[in-house]
Protein backbone atom coordinates (compact mmCIF):
# COMPACT_ATOMS: atom_id res chain seq x y z
CA MET A 1 -3.84 9.60 -3.13
CA THR A 2 -2.40 13.03 -3.58
CA ARG A 3 1.01 13.64 -5.09
CA LEU A 4 2.48 14.33 -1.65
CA GLU A 5 0.98 11.15 -0.21
CA ARG A 6 2.45 9.16 -3.10
CA ALA A 7 5.86 10.74 -2.51
CA ALA A 8 5.68 9.98 1.21
CA LEU A 9 4.73 6.36 0.58
CA SER A 10 6.84 5.62 -2.52
CA GLU A 11 9.73 4.02 -0.61
CA THR A 12 7.29 2.02 1.50
CA LEU A 13 5.50 0.73 -1.58
CA GLY A 14 8.73 -0.19 -3.32
CA ALA A 15 10.00 -2.01 -0.23
CA LEU A 16 6.76 -3.98 0.04
CA VAL A 17 6.98 -5.11 -3.56
CA ARG A 18 10.59 -6.23 -3.10
CA HIS A 19 10.28 -7.77 0.38
CA ASP A 20 9.10 -11.21 -0.82
CA ALA A 21 9.47 -12.15 -4.48
CA HIS A 22 7.41 -15.32 -4.08
CA LEU A 23 4.51 -13.47 -2.45
CA TRP A 24 4.62 -10.85 -5.22
CA TRP A 25 4.52 -13.59 -7.87
CA GLU A 26 1.61 -15.33 -6.13
CA LEU A 27 -0.39 -12.11 -5.90
CA LYS A 28 0.20 -11.40 -9.59
CA ARG A 29 -0.85 -14.96 -10.42
CA GLN A 30 -4.08 -14.67 -8.42
CA ILE A 31 -4.92 -11.43 -10.17
CA PHE A 32 -4.16 -12.95 -13.57
CA ASP A 33 -6.17 -16.12 -12.89
CA TRP A 34 -9.15 -14.59 -11.11
CA GLY A 35 -9.51 -11.30 -12.94
CA TYR A 36 -11.07 -8.41 -11.07
CA SER A 37 -11.94 -9.17 -7.46
CA THR A 38 -12.62 -7.03 -4.42
CA ALA A 39 -9.86 -8.90 -2.55
CA TYR A 40 -7.20 -11.52 -3.16
CA PRO A 41 -5.97 -13.87 -0.40
CA ARG A 42 -2.32 -12.94 -0.93
CA GLN A 43 -2.92 -9.21 -0.53
CA PHE A 44 -3.60 -9.67 3.18
CA GLU A 45 -0.08 -11.01 3.69
CA TYR A 46 1.19 -7.50 2.97
CA GLU A 47 -0.58 -5.98 5.99
CA THR A 48 2.00 -6.82 8.66
CA PRO A 49 5.05 -5.59 6.72
CA ALA A 50 3.09 -2.53 5.60
CA LYS A 51 2.26 -1.62 9.21
CA GLY A 52 5.91 -1.90 10.15
CA LEU A 53 7.02 0.27 7.24
CA LEU A 54 4.37 2.90 7.98
CA LEU A 55 5.54 3.07 11.59
CA ASN A 56 9.13 3.49 10.41
CA LEU A 57 8.41 6.46 8.15
CA SER A 58 10.42 9.51 9.04
CA ASN A 59 8.71 12.11 11.20
CA GLU A 60 8.81 14.48 8.24
CA TRP A 61 6.83 12.09 6.01
CA LYS A 62 4.43 11.27 8.84
CA GLU A 63 3.74 14.96 9.30
CA ILE A 64 3.06 15.35 5.58
CA LEU A 65 0.59 12.45 5.71
CA HIS A 66 -1.09 13.93 8.78
CA GLN A 67 -1.49 17.21 6.89
CA GLU A 68 -2.78 15.61 3.68
CA TRP A 69 -5.50 13.37 5.09
CA PRO A 70 -7.78 16.13 6.46
CA LYS A 71 -8.05 17.47 2.92
CA TRP A 72 -10.07 14.35 2.09
CA ASN A 73 -11.76 13.69 5.43
CA HIS A 74 -12.52 16.65 7.68
CA ARG A 75 -13.46 14.43 10.64
CA TYR A 76 -9.84 13.32 11.04
CA THR A 77 -8.24 14.94 14.07
CA ASP A 78 -5.95 12.34 15.63
CA ARG A 79 -2.25 12.72 14.92
CA ASN A 80 -0.89 9.46 16.26
CA ASP A 81 0.66 6.39 14.64
CA SER A 82 -2.39 4.16 15.07
CA SER A 83 -4.55 6.69 13.22
CA LEU A 84 -1.95 6.93 10.49
CA ILE A 85 -2.00 3.15 10.07
CA SER A 86 -5.79 2.89 10.10
CA ILE A 87 -6.01 5.53 7.38
CA TYR A 88 -3.11 4.63 5.12
CA LEU A 89 -2.87 0.83 5.44
CA PRO A 90 -5.88 0.22 3.16
CA LEU A 91 -4.53 2.75 0.66
CA VAL A 92 -1.11 1.08 0.66
CA ILE A 93 -2.65 -2.37 0.12
CA GLU A 94 -4.84 -0.98 -2.66
CA GLU A 95 -1.77 0.49 -4.36
CA ILE A 96 0.11 -2.82 -4.04
CA VAL A 97 -2.80 -4.61 -5.74
CA ARG A 98 -2.89 -1.95 -8.46
CA ARG A 99 0.83 -2.36 -9.12
CA ALA A 100 0.50 -6.16 -9.12
CA THR A 101 -2.36 -5.90 -11.61
CA VAL A 102 -0.21 -3.85 -13.97
CA ALA A 103 2.66 -6.29 -13.53
CA ALA A 104 0.40 -9.31 -14.06
CA ASN A 105 -0.91 -7.86 -17.31
CA ARG A 106 2.67 -7.36 -18.52
CA THR A 107 3.88 -10.83 -17.56
CA GLU A 108 4.31 -13.07 -20.59
CA ASN A 109 5.87 -16.24 -19.22
CA TRP A 110 4.14 -17.74 -16.21
């Protein structure tokens, strides 16, 4: 993600981490117990709230995201909400897992 994409999604990412403390703990625990994996069952529970938060981004942030994505993928031409979700939802989930991995490695008392 670019710096602008991170800025646009920072509130969304923070809200996802805070939205369910038990889910966050479970995801960290799976990461700690299983080690590296391509997917964790608990990460998929973040998809629905992430979609909602992406749809509720301000028009200004949506426009920034629409401008940033073509820098990485020149085939991208759609500028609607469903395209925004299909592009950024996997990146948001990946960032949640990355943050949970960092948090799991810092957790001392399980």
